[in-house]
Amino acid sequence: YIYKFYHYYNDHLEPRKNDMIAWALLTGLVCFAIVFALGIAFE
């Protein structure tokens, strides 16, 4: 997602208004928590 859309964010937003990396990190953390829960279930 970052590779594909970075230039769209970078070309049309000020750095402080660029929300790309924040949503990407939050998504990664939430999905990791789900995977960890599944890991406990399938131990």
PDB file of all heavy atoms in Angstrom:
ATOM      1  N   TYR A   1       0.835  -1.209   0.000  1.00  0.00           N
ATOM      2  CA  TYR A   1       0.000   0.000   0.000  1.00  0.00           C
ATOM      3  C   TYR A   1       0.866   1.254   0.000  1.00  0.00           C
ATOM      4  O   TYR A   1       0.614   2.216  -0.744  1.00  0.00           O
ATOM      5  CB  TYR A   1      -0.930  -0.051   1.212  1.00  0.00           C
ATOM      6  CG  TYR A   1      -1.404   1.270   1.749  1.00  0.00           C
ATOM      7  CD1 TYR A   1      -2.184   2.130   0.970  1.00  0.00           C
ATOM      8  CD2 TYR A   1      -1.098   1.655   3.057  1.00  0.00           C
ATOM      9  CE1 TYR A   1      -2.644   3.338   1.492  1.00  0.00           C
ATOM     10  CE2 TYR A   1      -1.548   2.847   3.581  1.00  0.00           C
ATOM     11  CZ  TYR A   1      -2.314   3.692   2.788  1.00  0.00           C
ATOM     12  OH  TYR A   1      -2.758   4.888   3.308  1.00  0.00           O
ATOM     13  N   ILE A   2       1.920   1.253   0.802  1.00  0.00           N
ATOM     14  CA  ILE A   2       2.822   2.405   0.864  1.00  0.00           C
ATOM     15  C   ILE A   2       3.571   2.569  -0.455  1.00  0.00           C
ATOM     16  O   ILE A   2       3.676   3.685  -0.988  1.00  0.00           O
ATOM     17  CB  ILE A   2       3.804   2.249   2.046  1.00  0.00           C
ATOM     18  CG1 ILE A   2       3.035   2.331   3.367  1.00  0.00           C
ATOM     19  CG2 ILE A   2       4.885   3.320   1.994  1.00  0.00           C
ATOM     20  CD1 ILE A   2       3.860   1.987   4.591  1.00  0.00           C
ATOM     21  N   TYR A   3       4.104   1.477  -1.008  1.00  0.00           N
ATOM     22  CA  TYR A   3       4.813   1.561  -2.289  1.00  0.00           C
ATOM     23  C   TYR A   3       3.933   2.161  -3.383  1.00  0.00           C
ATOM     24  O   TYR A   3       4.362   3.020  -4.156  1.00  0.00           O
ATOM     25  CB  TYR A   3       5.263   0.170  -2.757  1.00  0.00           C
ATOM     26  CG  TYR A   3       6.254  -0.526  -1.864  1.00  0.00           C
ATOM     27  CD1 TYR A   3       6.172  -1.906  -1.653  1.00  0.00           C
ATOM     28  CD2 TYR A   3       7.277   0.171  -1.229  1.00  0.00           C
ATOM     29  CE1 TYR A   3       7.070  -2.566  -0.837  1.00  0.00           C
ATOM     30  CE2 TYR A   3       8.179  -0.482  -0.402  1.00  0.00           C
ATOM     31  CZ  TYR A   3       8.066  -1.843  -0.217  1.00  0.00           C
ATOM     32  OH  TYR A   3       8.955  -2.499   0.589  1.00  0.00           O
ATOM     33  N   LYS A   4       2.685   1.707  -3.441  1.00  0.00           N
ATOM     34  CA  LYS A   4       1.793   2.077  -4.535  1.00  0.00           C
ATOM     35  C   LYS A   4       1.275   3.504  -4.413  1.00  0.00           C
ATOM     36  O   LYS A   4       1.215   4.245  -5.403  1.00  0.00           O
ATOM     37  CB  LYS A   4       0.614   1.092  -4.579  1.00  0.00           C
ATOM     38  CG  LYS A   4      -0.450   1.403  -5.636  1.00  0.00           C
ATOM     39  CD  LYS A   4       0.056   1.212  -7.037  1.00  0.00           C
ATOM     40  CE  LYS A   4      -1.053   1.432  -8.051  1.00  0.00           C
ATOM     41  NZ  LYS A   4      -0.553   1.320  -9.440  1.00  0.00           N
ATOM     42  N   PHE A   5       0.896   3.907  -3.196  1.00  0.00           N
ATOM     43  CA  PHE A   5       0.168   5.169  -3.039  1.00  0.00           C
ATOM     44  C   PHE A   5       0.994   6.289  -2.405  1.00  0.00           C
ATOM     45  O   PHE A   5       0.464   7.397  -2.228  1.00  0.00           O
ATOM     46  CB  PHE A   5      -1.093   4.934  -2.212  1.00  0.00           C
ATOM     47  CG  PHE A   5      -2.136   4.132  -2.933  1.00  0.00           C
ATOM     48  CD1 PHE A   5      -2.233   2.764  -2.746  1.00  0.00           C
ATOM     49  CD2 PHE A   5      -3.010   4.737  -3.819  1.00  0.00           C
ATOM     50  CE1 PHE A   5      -3.187   2.009  -3.416  1.00  0.00           C
ATOM     51  CE2 PHE A   5      -3.972   3.994  -4.500  1.00  0.00           C
ATOM     52  CZ  PHE A   5      -4.056   2.626  -4.297  1.00  0.00           C
ATOM     53  N   TYR A   6       2.244   6.036  -2.059  1.00  0.00           N
ATOM     54  CA  TYR A   6       3.040   7.076  -1.389  1.00  0.00           C
ATOM     55  C   TYR A   6       3.082   8.372  -2.187  1.00  0.00           C
ATOM     56  O   TYR A   6       2.917   9.472  -1.627  1.00  0.00           O
ATOM     57  CB  TYR A   6       4.473   6.566  -1.138  1.00  0.00           C
ATOM     58  CG  TYR A   6       5.396   7.679  -0.667  1.00  0.00           C
ATOM     59  CD1 TYR A   6       5.395   8.079   0.664  1.00  0.00           C
ATOM     60  CD2 TYR A   6       6.243   8.337  -1.566  1.00  0.00           C
ATOM     61  CE1 TYR A   6       6.227   9.113   1.099  1.00  0.00           C
ATOM     62  CE2 TYR A   6       7.066   9.363  -1.138  1.00  0.00           C
ATOM     63  CZ  TYR A   6       7.059   9.751   0.188  1.00  0.00           C
ATOM     64  OH  TYR A   6       7.872  10.772   0.608  1.00  0.00           O
ATOM     65  N   HIS A   7       3.321   8.265  -3.497  1.00  0.00           N
ATOM     66  CA  HIS A   7       3.462   9.481  -4.303  1.00  0.00           C
ATOM     67  C   HIS A   7       2.160  10.274  -4.382  1.00  0.00           C
ATOM     68  O   HIS A   7       2.189  11.505  -4.497  1.00  0.00           O
ATOM     69  CB  HIS A   7       3.957   9.127  -5.705  1.00  0.00           C
ATOM     70  CG  HIS A   7       5.366   8.632  -5.718  1.00  0.00           C
ATOM     71  ND1 HIS A   7       6.438   9.442  -5.451  1.00  0.00           N
ATOM     72  CD2 HIS A   7       5.881   7.383  -5.940  1.00  0.00           C
ATOM     73  CE1 HIS A   7       7.562   8.742  -5.528  1.00  0.00           C
ATOM     74  NE2 HIS A   7       7.249   7.484  -5.815  1.00  0.00           N
ATOM     75  N   TYR A   8       1.026   9.610  -4.290  1.00  0.00           N
ATOM     76  CA  TYR A   8      -0.248  10.326  -4.278  1.00  0.00           C
ATOM     77  C   TYR A   8      -0.392  11.136  -2.993  1.00  0.00           C
ATOM     78  O   TYR A   8      -0.835  12.294  -3.017  1.00  0.00           O
ATOM     79  CB  TYR A   8      -1.409   9.340  -4.415  1.00  0.00           C
ATOM     80  CG  TYR A   8      -1.439   8.641  -5.758  1.00  0.00           C
ATOM     81  CD1 TYR A   8      -0.835   7.402  -5.945  1.00  0.00           C
ATOM     82  CD2 TYR A   8      -2.050   9.244  -6.856  1.00  0.00           C
ATOM     83  CE1 TYR A   8      -0.850   6.762  -7.176  1.00  0.00           C
ATOM     84  CE2 TYR A   8      -2.074   8.608  -8.096  1.00  0.00           C
ATOM     85  CZ  TYR A   8      -1.474   7.373  -8.252  1.00  0.00           C
ATOM     86  OH  TYR A   8      -1.490   6.749  -9.472  1.00  0.00           O
ATOM     87  N   TYR A   9      -0.024  10.536  -1.869  1.00  0.00           N
ATOM     88  CA  TYR A   9      -0.063  11.264  -0.601  1.00  0.00           C
ATOM     89  C   TYR A   9       0.981  12.382  -0.587  1.00  0.00           C
ATOM     90  O   TYR A   9       0.688  13.513  -0.178  1.00  0.00           O
ATOM     91  CB  TYR A   9       0.208  10.301   0.563  1.00  0.00           C
ATOM     92  CG  TYR A   9      -0.974   9.470   0.975  1.00  0.00           C
ATOM     93  CD1 TYR A   9      -1.270   8.278   0.322  1.00  0.00           C
ATOM     94  CD2 TYR A   9      -1.798   9.857   2.020  1.00  0.00           C
ATOM     95  CE1 TYR A   9      -2.360   7.498   0.704  1.00  0.00           C
ATOM     96  CE2 TYR A   9      -2.893   9.083   2.409  1.00  0.00           C
ATOM     97  CZ  TYR A   9      -3.159   7.905   1.738  1.00  0.00           C
ATOM     98  OH  TYR A   9      -4.251   7.140   2.117  1.00  0.00           O
ATOM     99  N   ASN A  10       2.184  12.069  -1.013  1.00  0.00           N
ATOM    100  CA  ASN A  10       3.276  13.024  -0.949  1.00  0.00           C
ATOM    101  C   ASN A  10       3.045  14.228  -1.861  1.00  0.00           C
ATOM    102  O   ASN A  10       3.422  15.362  -1.519  1.00  0.00           O
ATOM    103  CB  ASN A  10       4.592  12.334  -1.331  1.00  0.00           C
ATOM    104  CG  ASN A  10       5.804  13.209  -1.089  1.00  0.00           C
ATOM    105  OD1 ASN A  10       6.041  13.652   0.033  1.00  0.00           O
ATOM    106  ND2 ASN A  10       6.568  13.469  -2.132  1.00  0.00           N
ATOM    107  N   ASP A  11       2.428  13.998  -3.023  1.00  0.00           N
ATOM    108  CA  ASP A  11       2.223  15.083  -3.991  1.00  0.00           C
ATOM    109  C   ASP A  11       1.045  15.986  -3.642  1.00  0.00           C
ATOM    110  O   ASP A  11       0.952  17.108  -4.165  1.00  0.00           O
ATOM    111  CB  ASP A  11       2.007  14.501  -5.401  1.00  0.00           C
ATOM    112  CG  ASP A  11       3.260  13.844  -5.960  1.00  0.00           C
ATOM    113  OD1 ASP A  11       4.331  14.017  -5.349  1.00  0.00           O
ATOM    114  OD2 ASP A  11       3.162  13.148  -6.992  1.00  0.00           O
ATOM    115  N   HIS A  12       0.121  15.530  -2.800  1.00  0.00           N
ATOM    116  CA  HIS A  12      -1.100  16.287  -2.556  1.00  0.00           C
ATOM    117  C   HIS A  12      -1.320  16.684  -1.098  1.00  0.00           C
ATOM    118  O   HIS A  12      -2.331  17.326  -0.788  1.00  0.00           O
ATOM    119  CB  HIS A  12      -2.317  15.477  -3.035  1.00  0.00           C
ATOM    120  CG  HIS A  12      -2.322  15.230  -4.509  1.00  0.00           C
ATOM    121  ND1 HIS A  12      -1.821  14.081  -5.065  1.00  0.00           N
ATOM    122  CD2 HIS A  12      -2.750  15.996  -5.550  1.00  0.00           C
ATOM    123  CE1 HIS A  12      -1.946  14.131  -6.389  1.00  0.00           C
ATOM    124  NE2 HIS A  12      -2.510  15.275  -6.707  1.00  0.00           N
ATOM    125  N   LEU A  13      -0.387  16.313  -0.214  1.00  0.00           N
ATOM    126  CA  LEU A  13      -0.568  16.634   1.197  1.00  0.00           C
ATOM    127  C   LEU A  13       0.689  17.245   1.803  1.00  0.00           C
ATOM    128  O   LEU A  13       1.811  16.900   1.412  1.00  0.00           O
ATOM    129  CB  LEU A  13      -0.922  15.370   2.001  1.00  0.00           C
ATOM    130  CG  LEU A  13      -2.268  14.689   1.733  1.00  0.00           C
ATOM    131  CD1 LEU A  13      -2.331  13.376   2.505  1.00  0.00           C
ATOM    132  CD2 LEU A  13      -3.437  15.592   2.112  1.00  0.00           C
ATOM    133  N   GLU A  14       0.492  18.134   2.757  1.00  0.00           N
ATOM    134  CA  GLU A  14       1.615  18.599   3.571  1.00  0.00           C
ATOM    135  C   GLU A  14       2.068  17.441   4.464  1.00  0.00           C
ATOM    136  O   GLU A  14       1.264  16.592   4.846  1.00  0.00           O
ATOM    137  CB  GLU A  14       1.180  19.770   4.444  1.00  0.00           C
ATOM    138  CG  GLU A  14       0.714  20.988   3.687  1.00  0.00           C
ATOM    139  CD  GLU A  14       0.171  22.051   4.622  1.00  0.00           C
ATOM    140  OE1 GLU A  14       0.483  21.983   5.831  1.00  0.00           O
ATOM    141  OE2 GLU A  14      -0.573  22.920   4.150  1.00  0.00           O
ATOM    142  N   PRO A  15       3.362  17.416   4.813  1.00  0.00           N
ATOM    143  CA  PRO A  15       3.854  16.297   5.633  1.00  0.00           C
ATOM    144  C   PRO A  15       3.045  16.057   6.907  1.00  0.00           C
ATOM    145  O   PRO A  15       2.784  14.913   7.268  1.00  0.00           O
ATOM    146  CB  PRO A  15       5.293  16.721   5.956  1.00  0.00           C
ATOM    147  CG  PRO A  15       5.691  17.582   4.797  1.00  0.00           C
ATOM    148  CD  PRO A  15       4.448  18.322   4.398  1.00  0.00           C
ATOM    149  N   ARG A  16       2.624  17.120   7.597  1.00  0.00           N
ATOM    150  CA  ARG A  16       1.909  16.953   8.855  1.00  0.00           C
ATOM    151  C   ARG A  16       0.490  16.418   8.666  1.00  0.00           C
ATOM    152  O   ARG A  16      -0.138  15.959   9.606  1.00  0.00           O
ATOM    153  CB  ARG A  16       1.868  18.273   9.624  1.00  0.00           C
ATOM    154  CG  ARG A  16       3.236  18.696  10.137  1.00  0.00           C
ATOM    155  CD  ARG A  16       3.144  19.910  11.056  1.00  0.00           C
ATOM    156  NE  ARG A  16       4.455  20.251  11.570  1.00  0.00           N
ATOM    157  CZ  ARG A  16       5.025  19.664  12.634  1.00  0.00           C
ATOM    158  NH1 ARG A  16       4.369  18.696  13.258  1.00  0.00           N
ATOM    159  NH2 ARG A  16       6.212  20.025  13.036  1.00  0.00           N
ATOM    160  N   LYS A  17      -0.041  16.524   7.449  1.00  0.00           N
ATOM    161  CA  LYS A  17      -1.388  16.037   7.179  1.00  0.00           C
ATOM    162  C   LYS A  17      -1.389  14.671   6.501  1.00  0.00           C
ATOM    163  O   LYS A  17      -2.443  14.135   6.165  1.00  0.00           O
ATOM    164  CB  LYS A  17      -2.136  17.042   6.307  1.00  0.00           C
ATOM    165  CG  LYS A  17      -2.406  18.377   7.009  1.00  0.00           C
ATOM    166  CD  LYS A  17      -3.185  19.323   6.109  1.00  0.00           C
ATOM    167  CE  LYS A  17      -3.482  20.639   6.831  1.00  0.00           C
ATOM    168  NZ  LYS A  17      -4.237  21.582   5.968  1.00  0.00           N
ATOM    169  N   ASN A  18      -0.201  14.105   6.311  1.00  0.00           N
ATOM    170  CA  ASN A  18      -0.066  12.799   5.664  1.00  0.00           C
ATOM    171  C   ASN A  18      -0.377  11.700   6.677  1.00  0.00           C
ATOM    172  O   ASN A  18       0.404  11.447   7.606  1.00  0.00           O
ATOM    173  CB  ASN A  18       1.353  12.637   5.115  1.00  0.00           C
ATOM    174  CG  ASN A  18       1.490  11.418   4.221  1.00  0.00           C
ATOM    175  OD1 ASN A  18       0.742  10.454   4.351  1.00  0.00           O
ATOM    176  ND2 ASN A  18       2.453  11.444   3.322  1.00  0.00           N
ATOM    177  N   ASP A  19      -1.515  11.060   6.518  1.00  0.00           N
ATOM    178  CA  ASP A  19      -1.975  10.050   7.479  1.00  0.00           C
ATOM    179  C   ASP A  19      -1.643   8.622   7.069  1.00  0.00           C
ATOM    180  O   ASP A  19      -2.050   7.668   7.741  1.00  0.00           O
ATOM    181  CB  ASP A  19      -3.491  10.177   7.686  1.00  0.00           C
ATOM    182  CG  ASP A  19      -4.268  10.032   6.372  1.00  0.00           C
ATOM    183  OD1 ASP A  19      -3.697  10.328   5.315  1.00  0.00           O
ATOM    184  OD2 ASP A  19      -5.450   9.635   6.422  1.00  0.00           O
ATOM    185  N   MET A  20      -0.897   8.454   5.976  1.00  0.00           N
ATOM    186  CA  MET A  20      -0.617   7.119   5.442  1.00  0.00           C
ATOM    187  C   MET A  20       0.060   6.212   6.461  1.00  0.00           C
ATOM    188  O   MET A  20      -0.414   5.105   6.751  1.00  0.00           O
ATOM    189  CB  MET A  20       0.247   7.231   4.186  1.00  0.00           C
ATOM    190  CG  MET A  20       0.870   5.922   3.742  1.00  0.00           C
ATOM    191  SD  MET A  20       1.899   6.051   2.280  1.00  0.00           S
ATOM    192  CE  MET A  20       0.672   5.720   1.029  1.00  0.00           C
ATOM    193  N   ILE A  21       1.178   6.646   7.024  1.00  0.00           N
ATOM    194  CA  ILE A  21       1.967   5.765   7.877  1.00  0.00           C
ATOM    195  C   ILE A  21       1.248   5.476   9.188  1.00  0.00           C
ATOM    196  O   ILE A  21       1.359   4.376   9.756  1.00  0.00           O
ATOM    197  CB  ILE A  21       3.373   6.365   8.144  1.00  0.00           C
ATOM    198  CG1 ILE A  21       4.277   5.352   8.856  1.00  0.00           C
ATOM    199  CG2 ILE A  21       3.280   7.664   8.935  1.00  0.00           C
ATOM    200  CD1 ILE A  21       4.541   4.104   8.055  1.00  0.00           C
ATOM    201  N   ALA A  22       0.464   6.429   9.686  1.00  0.00           N
ATOM    202  CA  ALA A  22      -0.266   6.210  10.935  1.00  0.00           C
ATOM    203  C   ALA A  22      -1.280   5.076  10.777  1.00  0.00           C
ATOM    204  O   ALA A  22      -1.367   4.171  11.621  1.00  0.00           O
ATOM    205  CB  ALA A  22      -0.969   7.495  11.365  1.00  0.00           C
ATOM    206  N   TRP A  23      -2.058   5.109   9.700  1.00  0.00           N
ATOM    207  CA  TRP A  23      -3.047   4.058   9.462  1.00  0.00           C
ATOM    208  C   TRP A  23      -2.367   2.715   9.168  1.00  0.00           C
ATOM    209  O   TRP A  23      -2.862   1.660   9.577  1.00  0.00           O
ATOM    210  CB  TRP A  23      -3.980   4.441   8.312  1.00  0.00           C
ATOM    211  CG  TRP A  23      -4.877   5.589   8.637  1.00  0.00           C
ATOM    212  CD1 TRP A  23      -4.913   6.823   8.057  1.00  0.00           C
ATOM    213  CD2 TRP A  23      -5.883   5.619   9.660  1.00  0.00           C
ATOM    214  NE1 TRP A  23      -5.861   7.613   8.638  1.00  0.00           N
ATOM    215  CE2 TRP A  23      -6.494   6.910   9.625  1.00  0.00           C
ATOM    216  CE3 TRP A  23      -6.343   4.694  10.592  1.00  0.00           C
ATOM    217  CZ2 TRP A  23      -7.511   7.274  10.489  1.00  0.00           C
ATOM    218  CZ3 TRP A  23      -7.369   5.068  11.456  1.00  0.00           C
ATOM    219  CH2 TRP A  23      -7.943   6.340  11.396  1.00  0.00           C
ATOM    220  N   ALA A  24      -1.232   2.761   8.474  1.00  0.00           N
ATOM    221  CA  ALA A  24      -0.510   1.520   8.165  1.00  0.00           C
ATOM    222  C   ALA A  24      -0.010   0.850   9.445  1.00  0.00           C
ATOM    223  O   ALA A  24      -0.155  -0.373   9.622  1.00  0.00           O
ATOM    224  CB  ALA A  24       0.660   1.815   7.225  1.00  0.00           C
ATOM    225  N   LEU A  25       0.566   1.646  10.364  1.00  0.00           N
ATOM    226  CA  LEU A  25       1.068   1.085  11.624  1.00  0.00           C
ATOM    227  C   LEU A  25      -0.071   0.568  12.496  1.00  0.00           C
ATOM    228  O   LEU A  25       0.039  -0.515  13.093  1.00  0.00           O
ATOM    229  CB  LEU A  25       1.876   2.146  12.386  1.00  0.00           C
ATOM    230  CG  LEU A  25       3.256   2.475  11.815  1.00  0.00           C
ATOM    231  CD1 LEU A  25       3.852   3.678  12.536  1.00  0.00           C
ATOM    232  CD2 LEU A  25       4.199   1.277  11.932  1.00  0.00           C
ATOM    233  N   LEU A  26      -1.154   1.320  12.569  1.00  0.00           N
ATOM    234  CA  LEU A  26      -2.295   0.875  13.370  1.00  0.00           C
ATOM    235  C   LEU A  26      -2.864  -0.428  12.822  1.00  0.00           C
ATOM    236  O   LEU A  26      -3.185  -1.360  13.587  1.00  0.00           O
ATOM    237  CB  LEU A  26      -3.377   1.960  13.385  1.00  0.00           C
ATOM    238  CG  LEU A  26      -4.641   1.620  14.186  1.00  0.00           C
ATOM    239  CD1 LEU A  26      -4.311   1.390  15.658  1.00  0.00           C
ATOM    240  CD2 LEU A  26      -5.687   2.721  14.039  1.00  0.00           C
ATOM    241  N   THR A  27      -2.972  -0.520  11.504  1.00  0.00           N
ATOM    242  CA  THR A  27      -3.473  -1.748  10.879  1.00  0.00           C
ATOM    243  C   THR A  27      -2.572  -2.933  11.207  1.00  0.00           C
ATOM    244  O   THR A  27      -3.052  -4.030  11.541  1.00  0.00           O
ATOM    245  CB  THR A  27      -3.557  -1.569   9.355  1.00  0.00           C
ATOM    246  OG1 THR A  27      -4.428  -0.478   9.054  1.00  0.00           O
ATOM    247  CG2 THR A  27      -4.075  -2.830   8.685  1.00  0.00           C
ATOM    248  N   GLY A  28      -1.254  -2.724  11.120  1.00  0.00           N
ATOM    249  CA  GLY A  28      -0.312  -3.791  11.438  1.00  0.00           C
ATOM    250  C   GLY A  28      -0.434  -4.273  12.872  1.00  0.00           C
ATOM    251  O   GLY A  28      -0.404  -5.480  13.148  1.00  0.00           O
ATOM    252  N   LEU A  29      -0.602  -3.335  13.818  1.00  0.00           N
ATOM    253  CA  LEU A  29      -0.716  -3.702  15.238  1.00  0.00           C
ATOM    254  C   LEU A  29      -2.005  -4.470  15.517  1.00  0.00           C
ATOM    255  O   LEU A  29      -2.000  -5.474  16.235  1.00  0.00           O
ATOM    256  CB  LEU A  29      -0.656  -2.439  16.101  1.00  0.00           C
ATOM    257  CG  LEU A  29       0.720  -1.767  16.206  1.00  0.00           C
ATOM    258  CD1 LEU A  29       0.598  -0.420  16.904  1.00  0.00           C
ATOM    259  CD2 LEU A  29       1.708  -2.660  16.941  1.00  0.00           C
ATOM    260  N   VAL A  30      -3.113  -3.995  14.940  1.00  0.00           N
ATOM    261  CA  VAL A  30      -4.399  -4.677  15.147  1.00  0.00           C
ATOM    262  C   VAL A  30      -4.365  -6.090  14.566  1.00  0.00           C
ATOM    263  O   VAL A  30      -4.802  -7.063  15.208  1.00  0.00           O
ATOM    264  CB  VAL A  30      -5.548  -3.862  14.525  1.00  0.00           C
ATOM    265  CG1 VAL A  30      -6.845  -4.668  14.531  1.00  0.00           C
ATOM    266  CG2 VAL A  30      -5.731  -2.550  15.278  1.00  0.00           C
ATOM    267  N   CYS A  31      -3.840  -6.212  13.348  1.00  0.00           N
ATOM    268  CA  CYS A  31      -3.784  -7.532  12.702  1.00  0.00           C
ATOM    269  C   CYS A  31      -2.841  -8.477  13.437  1.00  0.00           C
ATOM    270  O   CYS A  31      -3.110  -9.682  13.534  1.00  0.00           O
ATOM    271  CB  CYS A  31      -3.363  -7.382  11.240  1.00  0.00           C
ATOM    272  SG  CYS A  31      -4.611  -6.613  10.210  1.00  0.00           S
ATOM    273  N   PHE A  32      -1.737  -7.935  13.976  1.00  0.00           N
ATOM    274  CA  PHE A  32      -0.837  -8.790  14.745  1.00  0.00           C
ATOM    275  C   PHE A  32      -1.538  -9.324  15.989  1.00  0.00           C
ATOM    276  O   PHE A  32      -1.370 -10.504  16.351  1.00  0.00           O
ATOM    277  CB  PHE A  32       0.429  -8.040  15.159  1.00  0.00           C
ATOM    278  CG  PHE A  32       1.360  -8.875  15.988  1.00  0.00           C
ATOM    279  CD1 PHE A  32       2.239  -9.765  15.389  1.00  0.00           C
ATOM    280  CD2 PHE A  32       1.328  -8.813  17.378  1.00  0.00           C
ATOM    281  CE1 PHE A  32       3.076 -10.568  16.159  1.00  0.00           C
ATOM    282  CE2 PHE A  32       2.158  -9.605  18.153  1.00  0.00           C
ATOM    283  CZ  PHE A  32       3.038 -10.481  17.540  1.00  0.00           C
ATOM    284  N   ALA A  33      -2.329  -8.472  16.645  1.00  0.00           N
ATOM    285  CA  ALA A  33      -3.067  -8.914  17.831  1.00  0.00           C
ATOM    286  C   ALA A  33      -4.035 -10.052  17.481  1.00  0.00           C
ATOM    287  O   ALA A  33      -4.184 -11.025  18.245  1.00  0.00           O
ATOM    288  CB  ALA A  33      -3.830  -7.733  18.428  1.00  0.00           C
ATOM    289  N   ILE A  34      -4.665  -9.953  16.316  1.00  0.00           N
ATOM    290  CA  ILE A  34      -5.577 -11.021  15.872  1.00  0.00           C
ATOM    291  C   ILE A  34      -4.807 -12.317  15.613  1.00  0.00           C
ATOM    292  O   ILE A  34      -5.240 -13.406  16.013  1.00  0.00           O
ATOM    293  CB  ILE A  34      -6.333 -10.573  14.608  1.00  0.00           C
ATOM    294  CG1 ILE A  34      -7.256  -9.398  14.923  1.00  0.00           C
ATOM    295  CG2 ILE A  34      -7.125 -11.734  14.001  1.00  0.00           C
ATOM    296  CD1 ILE A  34      -7.876  -8.756  13.707  1.00  0.00           C
ATOM    297  N   VAL A  35      -3.651 -12.190  14.933  1.00  0.00           N
ATOM    298  CA  VAL A  35      -2.827 -13.372  14.643  1.00  0.00           C
ATOM    299  C   VAL A  35      -2.342 -14.020  15.934  1.00  0.00           C
ATOM    300  O   VAL A  35      -2.328 -15.255  16.072  1.00  0.00           O
ATOM    301  CB  VAL A  35      -1.636 -12.989  13.740  1.00  0.00           C
ATOM    302  CG1 VAL A  35      -0.663 -14.157  13.604  1.00  0.00           C
ATOM    303  CG2 VAL A  35      -2.115 -12.562  12.363  1.00  0.00           C
ATOM    304  N   PHE A  36      -1.958 -13.200  16.919  1.00  0.00           N
ATOM    305  CA  PHE A  36      -1.496 -13.736  18.188  1.00  0.00           C
ATOM    306  C   PHE A  36      -2.613 -14.498  18.904  1.00  0.00           C
ATOM    307  O   PHE A  36      -2.389 -15.572  19.481  1.00  0.00           O
ATOM    308  CB  PHE A  36      -0.979 -12.609  19.083  1.00  0.00           C
ATOM    309  CG  PHE A  36      -0.439 -13.072  20.407  1.00  0.00           C
ATOM    310  CD1 PHE A  36       0.583 -14.014  20.465  1.00  0.00           C
ATOM    311  CD2 PHE A  36      -0.957 -12.595  21.591  1.00  0.00           C
ATOM    312  CE1 PHE A  36       1.091 -14.458  21.679  1.00  0.00           C
ATOM    313  CE2 PHE A  36      -0.470 -13.023  22.811  1.00  0.00           C
ATOM    314  CZ  PHE A  36       0.561 -13.954  22.854  1.00  0.00           C
ATOM    315  N   ALA A  37      -3.820 -13.953  18.854  1.00  0.00           N
ATOM    316  CA  ALA A  37      -4.970 -14.641  19.458  1.00  0.00           C
ATOM    317  C   ALA A  37      -5.217 -15.993  18.777  1.00  0.00           C
ATOM    318  O   ALA A  37      -5.490 -16.999  19.445  1.00  0.00           O
ATOM    319  CB  ALA A  37      -6.215 -13.759  19.356  1.00  0.00           C
ATOM    320  N   LEU A  38      -5.080 -16.016  17.446  1.00  0.00           N
ATOM    321  CA  LEU A  38      -5.226 -17.281  16.718  1.00  0.00           C
ATOM    322  C   LEU A  38      -4.092 -18.243  17.070  1.00  0.00           C
ATOM    323  O   LEU A  38      -4.297 -19.465  17.142  1.00  0.00           O
ATOM    324  CB  LEU A  38      -5.241 -17.023  15.213  1.00  0.00           C
ATOM    325  CG  LEU A  38      -6.476 -16.288  14.670  1.00  0.00           C
ATOM    326  CD1 LEU A  38      -6.275 -15.921  13.195  1.00  0.00           C
ATOM    327  CD2 LEU A  38      -7.727 -17.152  14.833  1.00  0.00           C
ATOM    328  N   GLY A  39      -2.905 -17.693  17.300  1.00  0.00           N
ATOM    329  CA  GLY A  39      -1.772 -18.523  17.699  1.00  0.00           C
ATOM    330  C   GLY A  39      -2.007 -19.221  19.014  1.00  0.00           C
ATOM    331  O   GLY A  39      -1.632 -20.394  19.200  1.00  0.00           O
ATOM    332  N   ILE A  40      -2.639 -18.524  19.946  1.00  0.00           N
ATOM    333  CA  ILE A  40      -2.981 -19.137  21.231  1.00  0.00           C
ATOM    334  C   ILE A  40      -4.000 -20.267  21.026  1.00  0.00           C
ATOM    335  O   ILE A  40      -3.885 -21.354  21.602  1.00  0.00           O
ATOM    336  CB  ILE A  40      -3.553 -18.068  22.191  1.00  0.00           C
ATOM    337  CG1 ILE A  40      -2.469 -17.036  22.528  1.00  0.00           C
ATOM    338  CG2 ILE A  40      -4.076 -18.721  23.461  1.00  0.00           C
ATOM    339  CD1 ILE A  40      -2.982 -15.848  23.331  1.00  0.00           C
ATOM    340  N   ALA A  41      -4.972 -19.999  20.165  1.00  0.00           N
ATOM    341  CA  ALA A  41      -6.029 -20.989  19.926  1.00  0.00           C
ATOM    342  C   ALA A  41      -5.497 -22.255  19.260  1.00  0.00           C
ATOM    343  O   ALA A  41      -5.985 -23.361  19.535  1.00  0.00           O
ATOM    344  CB  ALA A  41      -7.127 -20.363  19.060  1.00  0.00           C
ATOM    345  N   PHE A  42      -4.484 -22.093  18.380  1.00  0.00           N
ATOM    346  CA  PHE A  42      -3.989 -23.245  17.617  1.00  0.00           C
ATOM    347  C   PHE A  42      -2.645 -23.779  18.132  1.00  0.00           C
ATOM    348  O   PHE A  42      -1.944 -24.502  17.424  1.00  0.00           O
ATOM    349  CB  PHE A  42      -3.851 -22.864  16.139  1.00  0.00           C
ATOM    350  CG  PHE A  42      -5.168 -22.713  15.434  1.00  0.00           C
ATOM    351  CD1 PHE A  42      -5.719 -21.459  15.240  1.00  0.00           C
ATOM    352  CD2 PHE A  42      -5.864 -23.822  14.989  1.00  0.00           C
ATOM    353  CE1 PHE A  42      -6.937 -21.302  14.595  1.00  0.00           C
ATOM    354  CE2 PHE A  42      -7.083 -23.689  14.346  1.00  0.00           C
ATOM    355  CZ  PHE A  42      -7.631 -22.420  14.150  1.00  0.00           C
ATOM    356  N   GLU A  43      -2.306 -23.454  19.379  1.00  0.00           N
ATOM    357  CA  GLU A  43      -1.046 -23.937  19.947  1.00  0.00           C
ATOM    358  C   GLU A  43      -0.979 -25.463  19.969  1.00  0.00           C
ATOM    359  O   GLU A  43       0.046 -26.074  19.665  1.00  0.00           O
ATOM    360  CB  GLU A  43      -0.860 -23.393  21.361  1.00  0.00           C
ATOM    361  CG  GLU A  43       0.428 -23.883  22.023  1.00  0.00           C
ATOM    362  CD  GLU A  43       0.475 -23.580  23.505  1.00  0.00           C
ATOM    363  OE1 GLU A  43      -0.550 -23.097  24.047  1.00  0.00           O
ATOM    364  OE2 GLU A  43       1.519 -23.863  24.126  1.00  0.00           O
TER     365      GLU A  43
END
